[in-house]
PDB file of N, CA and C in Angstrom:
ATOM      1  N   MET A   1     -15.424  33.371  -3.852  1.00  0.00           N
ATOM      2  CA  MET A   1     -14.104  33.750  -4.855  1.00  0.00           C
ATOM      3  C   MET A   1     -13.627  35.447  -4.263  1.00  0.00           C
ATOM      4  N   THR A   2     -12.006  35.137  -4.287  1.00  0.00           N
ATOM      5  CA  THR A   2     -11.064  36.089  -4.049  1.00  0.00           C
ATOM      6  C   THR A   2     -10.154  36.309  -4.978  1.00  0.00           C
ATOM      7  N   ASN A   3     -10.029  37.361  -5.248  1.00  0.00           N
ATOM      8  CA  ASN A   3      -8.389  37.506  -6.370  1.00  0.00           C
ATOM      9  C   ASN A   3      -7.340  36.879  -5.617  1.00  0.00           C
ATOM     10  N   SER A   4      -7.168  36.208  -4.378  1.00  0.00           N
ATOM     11  CA  SER A   4      -6.069  35.880  -4.033  1.00  0.00           C
ATOM     12  C   SER A   4      -5.108  34.548  -4.875  1.00  0.00           C
ATOM     13  N   THR A   5      -3.751  34.891  -4.380  1.00  0.00           N
ATOM     14  CA  THR A   5      -3.073  33.572  -5.381  1.00  0.00           C
ATOM     15  C   THR A   5      -2.220  32.449  -4.022  1.00  0.00           C
ATOM     16  N   MET A   6      -2.555  33.090  -2.815  1.00  0.00           N
ATOM     17  CA  MET A   6      -2.077  32.546  -2.269  1.00  0.00           C
ATOM     18  C   MET A   6      -2.785  31.404  -1.567  1.00  0.00           C
ATOM     19  N   ALA A   7      -2.363  29.865  -1.463  1.00  0.00           N
ATOM     20  CA  ALA A   7      -3.507  28.720  -1.080  1.00  0.00           C
ATOM     21  C   ALA A   7      -3.711  29.063   0.720  1.00  0.00           C
ATOM     22  N   PRO A   8      -5.069  28.585   0.453  1.00  0.00           N
ATOM     23  CA  PRO A   8      -5.790  28.538   1.808  1.00  0.00           C
ATOM     24  C   PRO A   8      -5.424  28.188   3.110  1.00  0.00           C
ATOM     25  N   PHE A   9      -4.710  26.778   2.367  1.00  0.00           N
ATOM     26  CA  PHE A   9      -4.012  25.628   3.611  1.00  0.00           C
ATOM     27  C   PHE A   9      -3.186  25.191   2.896  1.00  0.00           C
ATOM     28  N   SER A  10      -2.208  24.808   4.305  1.00  0.00           N
ATOM     29  CA  SER A  10      -0.919  24.886   3.727  1.00  0.00           C
ATOM     30  C   SER A  10      -0.642  23.369   3.144  1.00  0.00           C
ATOM     31  N   ASP A  11       0.715  23.058   2.487  1.00  0.00           N
ATOM     32  CA  ASP A  11       0.802  21.792   2.091  1.00  0.00           C
ATOM     33  C   ASP A  11       1.073  20.625   2.961  1.00  0.00           C
ATOM     34  N   LYS A  12       1.853  20.761   4.242  1.00  0.00           N
ATOM     35  CA  LYS A  12       1.730  20.318   5.476  1.00  0.00           C
ATOM     36  C   LYS A  12       0.783  19.594   5.682  1.00  0.00           C
ATOM     37  N   LEU A  13      -0.737  20.528   5.773  1.00  0.00           N
ATOM     38  CA  LEU A  13      -1.701  20.153   6.456  1.00  0.00           C
ATOM     39  C   LEU A  13      -2.375  19.523   5.368  1.00  0.00           C
ATOM     40  N   MET A  14      -2.422  19.608   4.213  1.00  0.00           N
ATOM     41  CA  MET A  14      -3.385  18.539   2.995  1.00  0.00           C
ATOM     42  C   MET A  14      -2.467  17.580   2.858  1.00  0.00           C
ATOM     43  N   LEU A  15      -1.517  17.367   3.039  1.00  0.00           N
ATOM     44  CA  LEU A  15      -0.580  16.022   2.921  1.00  0.00           C
ATOM     45  C   LEU A  15      -1.330  15.305   4.160  1.00  0.00           C
ATOM     46  N   TYR A  16      -0.795  15.898   5.360  1.00  0.00           N
ATOM     47  CA  TYR A  16      -0.972  15.175   6.680  1.00  0.00           C
ATOM     48  C   TYR A  16      -2.406  14.665   7.047  1.00  0.00           C
ATOM     49  N   CYS A  17      -3.768  15.358   6.373  1.00  0.00           N
ATOM     50  CA  CYS A  17      -4.995  14.815   6.499  1.00  0.00           C
ATOM     51  C   CYS A  17      -5.089  13.965   5.248  1.00  0.00           C
ATOM     52  N   ALA A  18      -4.439  13.784   4.355  1.00  0.00           N
ATOM     53  CA  ALA A  18      -4.612  12.493   3.474  1.00  0.00           C
ATOM     54  C   ALA A  18      -4.050  11.201   3.809  1.00  0.00           C
ATOM     55  N   TYR A  19      -2.825  11.342   5.070  1.00  0.00           N
ATOM     56  CA  TYR A  19      -2.157  10.453   5.369  1.00  0.00           C
ATOM     57  C   TYR A  19      -3.082   9.580   6.455  1.00  0.00           C
ATOM     58  N   LEU A  20      -3.902  10.621   7.347  1.00  0.00           N
ATOM     59  CA  LEU A  20      -4.814   9.997   8.320  1.00  0.00           C
ATOM     60  C   LEU A  20      -6.196   9.592   8.187  1.00  0.00           C
ATOM     61  N   LEU A  21      -6.583  10.331   6.494  1.00  0.00           N
ATOM     62  CA  LEU A  21      -7.504   9.638   6.059  1.00  0.00           C
ATOM     63  C   LEU A  21      -7.276   8.332   5.900  1.00  0.00           C
ATOM     64  N   GLY A  22      -5.874   8.075   5.063  1.00  0.00           N
ATOM     65  CA  GLY A  22      -5.745   6.641   4.353  1.00  0.00           C
ATOM     66  C   GLY A  22      -5.454   5.618   5.328  1.00  0.00           C
ATOM     67  N   GLY A  23      -5.258   5.828   6.639  1.00  0.00           N
ATOM     68  CA  GLY A  23      -5.259   5.107   8.030  1.00  0.00           C
ATOM     69  C   GLY A  23      -6.425   4.636   8.087  1.00  0.00           C
ATOM     70  N   PHE A  24      -7.310   5.799   8.420  1.00  0.00           N
ATOM     71  CA  PHE A  24      -9.192   5.337   8.700  1.00  0.00           C
ATOM     72  C   PHE A  24      -9.310   4.601   7.680  1.00  0.00           C
ATOM     73  N   SER A  25      -8.997   4.472   6.270  1.00  0.00           N
ATOM     74  CA  SER A  25      -9.714   3.461   5.462  1.00  0.00           C
ATOM     75  C   SER A  25      -8.959   2.499   5.301  1.00  0.00           C
ATOM     76  N   ILE A  26      -7.706   2.325   5.556  1.00  0.00           N
ATOM     77  CA  ILE A  26      -7.531   0.945   5.948  1.00  0.00           C
ATOM     78  C   ILE A  26      -7.833   0.376   7.027  1.00  0.00           C
ATOM     79  N   GLY A  27      -8.508   0.910   8.126  1.00  0.00           N
ATOM     80  CA  GLY A  27      -8.979   0.306   9.416  1.00  0.00           C
ATOM     81  C   GLY A  27     -10.431  -0.240   8.818  1.00  0.00           C
ATOM     82  N   SER A  28     -10.976   0.817   8.010  1.00  0.00           N
ATOM     83  CA  SER A  28     -12.358   0.020   7.764  1.00  0.00           C
ATOM     84  C   SER A  28     -12.595  -0.363   6.796  1.00  0.00           C
ATOM     85  N   GLN A  29     -11.456  -0.720   5.587  1.00  0.00           N
ATOM     86  CA  GLN A  29     -11.790  -2.111   5.071  1.00  0.00           C
ATOM     87  C   GLN A  29     -11.327  -3.286   5.971  1.00  0.00           C
ATOM     88  N   GLY A  30     -10.560  -3.327   6.771  1.00  0.00           N
ATOM     89  CA  GLY A  30     -10.468  -4.315   7.723  1.00  0.00           C
ATOM     90  C   GLY A  30     -11.602  -4.979   8.362  1.00  0.00           C
ATOM     91  N   PHE A  31     -12.174  -3.427   8.753  1.00  0.00           N
ATOM     92  CA  PHE A  31     -13.400  -3.979   9.432  1.00  0.00           C
ATOM     93  C   PHE A  31     -14.643  -4.017   8.898  1.00  0.00           C
ATOM     94  N   CYS A  32     -14.638  -3.883   7.190  1.00  0.00           N
ATOM     95  CA  CYS A  32     -15.557  -4.743   6.539  1.00  0.00           C
ATOM     96  C   CYS A  32     -15.379  -5.844   6.013  1.00  0.00           C
ATOM     97  N   ALA A  33     -13.875  -6.105   5.807  1.00  0.00           N
ATOM     98  CA  ALA A  33     -13.500  -7.913   5.722  1.00  0.00           C
ATOM     99  C   ALA A  33     -14.065  -8.862   6.711  1.00  0.00           C
ATOM    100  N   ALA A  34     -14.467  -8.317   8.367  1.00  0.00           N
ATOM    101  CA  ALA A  34     -14.726  -8.877   8.844  1.00  0.00           C
ATOM    102  C   ALA A  34     -15.949  -9.717   8.923  1.00  0.00           C
ATOM    103  N   PHE A  35     -16.962  -8.472   8.888  1.00  0.00           N
ATOM    104  CA  PHE A  35     -18.092  -8.738   8.860  1.00  0.00           C
ATOM    105  C   PHE A  35     -18.935  -9.047   7.791  1.00  0.00           C
ATOM    106  N   ILE A  36     -18.237  -8.861   6.720  1.00  0.00           N
ATOM    107  CA  ILE A  36     -19.289  -9.193   4.885  1.00  0.00           C
ATOM    108  C   ILE A  36     -19.513 -10.753   5.324  1.00  0.00           C
ATOM    109  N   LEU A  37     -20.323 -10.904   4.619  1.00  0.00           N
ATOM    110  CA  LEU A  37     -20.395 -12.427   4.392  1.00  0.00           C
ATOM    111  C   LEU A  37     -20.533 -13.221   2.981  1.00  0.00           C
ATOM    112  N   ARG A  38     -19.939 -12.346   2.176  1.00  0.00           N
ATOM    113  CA  ARG A  38     -20.116 -12.598   0.961  1.00  0.00           C
ATOM    114  C   ARG A  38     -18.371 -12.308   0.479  1.00  0.00           C
ATOM    115  N   ASN A  39     -18.043 -13.432  -0.226  1.00  0.00           N
ATOM    116  CA  ASN A  39     -16.201 -13.824  -0.276  1.00  0.00           C
ATOM    117  C   ASN A  39     -16.004 -12.811  -1.305  1.00  0.00           C
ATOM    118  N   ASP A  40     -16.648 -12.869  -2.521  1.00  0.00           N
ATOM    119  CA  ASP A  40     -16.022 -11.920  -3.768  1.00  0.00           C
ATOM    120  C   ASP A  40     -16.043 -10.590  -2.865  1.00  0.00           C
ATOM    121  N   MET A  41     -16.566 -10.058  -2.218  1.00  0.00           N
ATOM    122  CA  MET A  41     -16.619  -8.248  -1.576  1.00  0.00           C
ATOM    123  C   MET A  41     -15.776  -9.115  -0.622  1.00  0.00           C
ATOM    124  N   ILE A  42     -14.923  -9.771   0.054  1.00  0.00           N
ATOM    125  CA  ILE A  42     -13.726  -9.669   0.330  1.00  0.00           C
ATOM    126  C   ILE A  42     -12.503  -9.360   0.302  1.00  0.00           C
ATOM    127  N   ALA A  43     -12.252 -10.405  -1.002  1.00  0.00           N
ATOM    128  CA  ALA A  43     -11.632  -9.682  -1.979  1.00  0.00           C
ATOM    129  C   ALA A  43     -11.159  -8.273  -2.628  1.00  0.00           C
ATOM    130  N   GLN A  44     -12.532  -7.932  -3.144  1.00  0.00           N
ATOM    131  CA  GLN A  44     -12.320  -6.620  -3.600  1.00  0.00           C
ATOM    132  C   GLN A  44     -11.638  -5.732  -2.688  1.00  0.00           C
ATOM    133  N   SER A  45     -12.628  -6.056  -1.434  1.00  0.00           N
ATOM    134  CA  SER A  45     -11.870  -5.058  -0.027  1.00  0.00           C
ATOM    135  C   SER A  45     -10.433  -5.230   0.121  1.00  0.00           C
ATOM    136  N   ALA A  46     -10.034  -6.108  -0.188  1.00  0.00           N
ATOM    137  CA  ALA A  46      -8.273  -6.408   0.306  1.00  0.00           C
ATOM    138  C   ALA A  46      -7.790  -5.582  -1.026  1.00  0.00           C
ATOM    139  N   VAL A  47      -8.571  -5.597  -2.505  1.00  0.00           N
ATOM    140  CA  VAL A  47      -7.657  -5.114  -3.343  1.00  0.00           C
ATOM    141  C   VAL A  47      -7.857  -3.511  -3.033  1.00  0.00           C
ATOM    142  N   PHE A  48      -8.769  -2.990  -2.452  1.00  0.00           N
ATOM    143  CA  PHE A  48      -9.135  -1.716  -2.409  1.00  0.00           C
ATOM    144  C   PHE A  48      -7.977  -1.750  -1.550  1.00  0.00           C
ATOM    145  N   ALA A  49      -7.856  -2.357  -0.229  1.00  0.00           N
ATOM    146  CA  ALA A  49      -6.749  -1.639   0.818  1.00  0.00           C
ATOM    147  C   ALA A  49      -5.849  -1.524   0.494  1.00  0.00           C
ATOM    148  N   LYS A  50      -5.000  -2.716  -0.615  1.00  0.00           N
ATOM    149  CA  LYS A  50      -3.924  -2.534  -0.976  1.00  0.00           C
ATOM    150  C   LYS A  50      -3.324  -1.416  -1.707  1.00  0.00           C
ATOM    151  N   ASP A  51      -4.394  -0.771  -2.841  1.00  0.00           N
ATOM    152  CA  ASP A  51      -4.213   0.436  -3.180  1.00  0.00           C
ATOM    153  C   ASP A  51      -4.529   1.501  -2.242  1.00  0.00           C
ATOM    154  N   ILE A  52      -4.838   1.440  -1.148  1.00  0.00           N
ATOM    155  CA  ILE A  52      -4.876   2.756  -0.209  1.00  0.00           C
ATOM    156  C   ILE A  52      -3.635   2.690   0.334  1.00  0.00           C
ATOM    157  N   TYR A  53      -3.419   1.336   0.524  1.00  0.00           N
ATOM    158  CA  TYR A  53      -2.042   1.061   1.222  1.00  0.00           C
ATOM    159  C   TYR A  53      -0.895   1.973   0.631  1.00  0.00           C
ATOM    160  N   GLU A  54      -0.937   1.341  -0.733  1.00  0.00           N
ATOM    161  CA  GLU A  54       0.124   2.293  -1.065  1.00  0.00           C
ATOM    162  C   GLU A  54       0.020   3.614  -1.397  1.00  0.00           C
ATOM    163  N   PHE A  55      -0.998   4.075  -1.282  1.00  0.00           N
ATOM    164  CA  PHE A  55      -1.203   5.850  -1.514  1.00  0.00           C
ATOM    165  C   PHE A  55      -0.897   6.370  -0.613  1.00  0.00           C
ATOM    166  N   THR A  56      -0.872   5.804   0.648  1.00  0.00           N
ATOM    167  CA  THR A  56      -0.821   6.235   2.170  1.00  0.00           C
ATOM    168  C   THR A  56       0.787   6.375   2.569  1.00  0.00           C
ATOM    169  N   ILE A  57       1.526   5.292   2.130  1.00  0.00           N
ATOM    170  CA  ILE A  57       2.785   4.738   1.862  1.00  0.00           C
ATOM    171  C   ILE A  57       3.668   6.006   1.437  1.00  0.00           C
ATOM    172  N   GLU A  58       3.182   6.089   0.125  1.00  0.00           N
ATOM    173  CA  GLU A  58       3.646   7.616  -0.824  1.00  0.00           C
ATOM    174  C   GLU A  58       3.990   8.358  -0.153  1.00  0.00           C
ATOM    175  N   GLY A  59       2.669   9.218   0.370  1.00  0.00           N
ATOM    176  CA  GLY A  59       2.425  10.150   1.121  1.00  0.00           C
ATOM    177  C   GLY A  59       3.228  10.128   2.371  1.00  0.00           C
ATOM    178  N   ALA A  60       3.392   9.244   3.075  1.00  0.00           N
ATOM    179  CA  ALA A  60       3.976   9.511   4.594  1.00  0.00           C
ATOM    180  C   ALA A  60       5.779   9.317   3.725  1.00  0.00           C
ATOM    181  N   ARG A  61       6.419   8.841   2.960  1.00  0.00           N
ATOM    182  CA  ARG A  61       7.490   9.081   2.442  1.00  0.00           C
ATOM    183  C   ARG A  61       8.168  10.269   2.204  1.00  0.00           C
ATOM    184  N   LEU A  62       6.688  10.376   1.276  1.00  0.00           N
ATOM    185  CA  LEU A  62       6.416  12.184   0.996  1.00  0.00           C
ATOM    186  C   LEU A  62       7.138  12.791   2.610  1.00  0.00           C
ATOM    187  N   MET A  63       6.226  12.895   3.034  1.00  0.00           N
ATOM    188  CA  MET A  63       6.187  13.481   4.222  1.00  0.00           C
ATOM    189  C   MET A  63       7.663  13.663   5.310  1.00  0.00           C
ATOM    190  N   MET A  64       7.899  12.032   5.057  1.00  0.00           N
ATOM    191  CA  MET A  64       9.800  11.930   5.603  1.00  0.00           C
ATOM    192  C   MET A  64      11.138  12.846   4.850  1.00  0.00           C
ATOM    193  N   SER A  65      10.402  12.761   3.615  1.00  0.00           N
ATOM    194  CA  SER A  65      11.556  13.226   2.927  1.00  0.00           C
ATOM    195  C   SER A  65      11.673  14.806   2.969  1.00  0.00           C
ATOM    196  N   LYS A  66      10.292  15.416   3.276  1.00  0.00           N
ATOM    197  CA  LYS A  66      10.467  17.126   3.667  1.00  0.00           C
ATOM    198  C   LYS A  66      10.652  17.553   4.893  1.00  0.00           C
ATOM    199  N   GLY A  67      10.982  16.363   5.976  1.00  0.00           N
ATOM    200  CA  GLY A  67      11.165  16.849   7.390  1.00  0.00           C
ATOM    201  C   GLY A  67       9.535  16.631   8.278  1.00  0.00           C
ATOM    202  N   TRP A  68       8.589  16.487   7.158  1.00  0.00           N
ATOM    203  CA  TRP A  68       7.221  17.049   8.152  1.00  0.00           C
ATOM    204  C   TRP A  68       7.081  15.863   9.326  1.00  0.00           C
ATOM    205  N   LEU A  69       7.284  14.195   8.856  1.00  0.00           N
ATOM    206  CA  LEU A  69       6.716  13.316   9.530  1.00  0.00           C
ATOM    207  C   LEU A  69       8.241  13.008  10.470  1.00  0.00           C
ATOM    208  N   GLU A  70       8.250  12.744  11.592  1.00  0.00           N
ATOM    209  CA  GLU A  70       9.205  12.645  12.542  1.00  0.00           C
ATOM    210  C   GLU A  70       9.376  11.148  12.378  1.00  0.00           C
ATOM    211  N   GLN A  71      10.527  10.351  12.551  1.00  0.00           N
ATOM    212  CA  GLN A  71      10.732   9.008  13.230  1.00  0.00           C
ATOM    213  C   GLN A  71      10.312   9.230  14.683  1.00  0.00           C
ATOM    214  N   PRO A  72       9.859   7.997  14.798  1.00  0.00           N
ATOM    215  CA  PRO A  72       9.564   7.734  16.548  1.00  0.00           C
ATOM    216  C   PRO A  72      10.555   7.527  16.767  1.00  0.00           C
ATOM    217  N   PRO A  73      10.846   7.587  18.470  1.00  0.00           N
ATOM    218  CA  PRO A  73      12.010   7.713  19.152  1.00  0.00           C
ATOM    219  C   PRO A  73      12.616   6.279  19.238  1.00  0.00           C
ATOM    220  N   GLU A  74      13.655   5.896  19.482  1.00  0.00           N
ATOM    221  CA  GLU A  74      13.948   4.405  19.191  1.00  0.00           C
ATOM    222  C   GLU A  74      14.882   4.183  20.746  1.00  0.00           C
ATOM    223  N   MET A  75      14.896   2.539  21.164  1.00  0.00           N
ATOM    224  CA  MET A  75      15.640   2.586  21.972  1.00  0.00           C
ATOM    225  C   MET A  75      16.670   1.542  21.938  1.00  0.00           C
ATOM    226  N   ASP A  76      18.172   1.677  22.544  1.00  0.00           N
ATOM    227  CA  ASP A  76      18.981   0.905  22.463  1.00  0.00           C
ATOM    228  C   ASP A  76      19.051  -0.378  23.631  1.00  0.00           C
ATOM    229  N   LEU A  77      19.063  -1.384  23.001  1.00  0.00           N
ATOM    230  CA  LEU A  77      19.020  -2.644  23.711  1.00  0.00           C
ATOM    231  C   LEU A  77      20.421  -3.141  24.352  1.00  0.00           C
TER     232      LEU A  77
END
C-alpha cells in the first residue's frame, strides 16, 4: 500500500488488455463449441460469445473515439 494517488497503469493499457482478452475469449468460445458434445452447452457458449463480443466492440469503439486504435490501411481499387 502506498499513499500515491496516481494509477499504476494507464487507461490506454488497461483498455487494450481488456480488448485483447475479449478477442481471445471469443476464439475460445468457438473452440469450445467445436469440441463439446452437449447441445445445451453449445447454445450457452453462443450466448456467452455474444455477450463478450458486445463488450469487446464497445471497448474498440471507445479506443477509436480516443484515437488509441488506428484504422487499418486501405487500398484504392
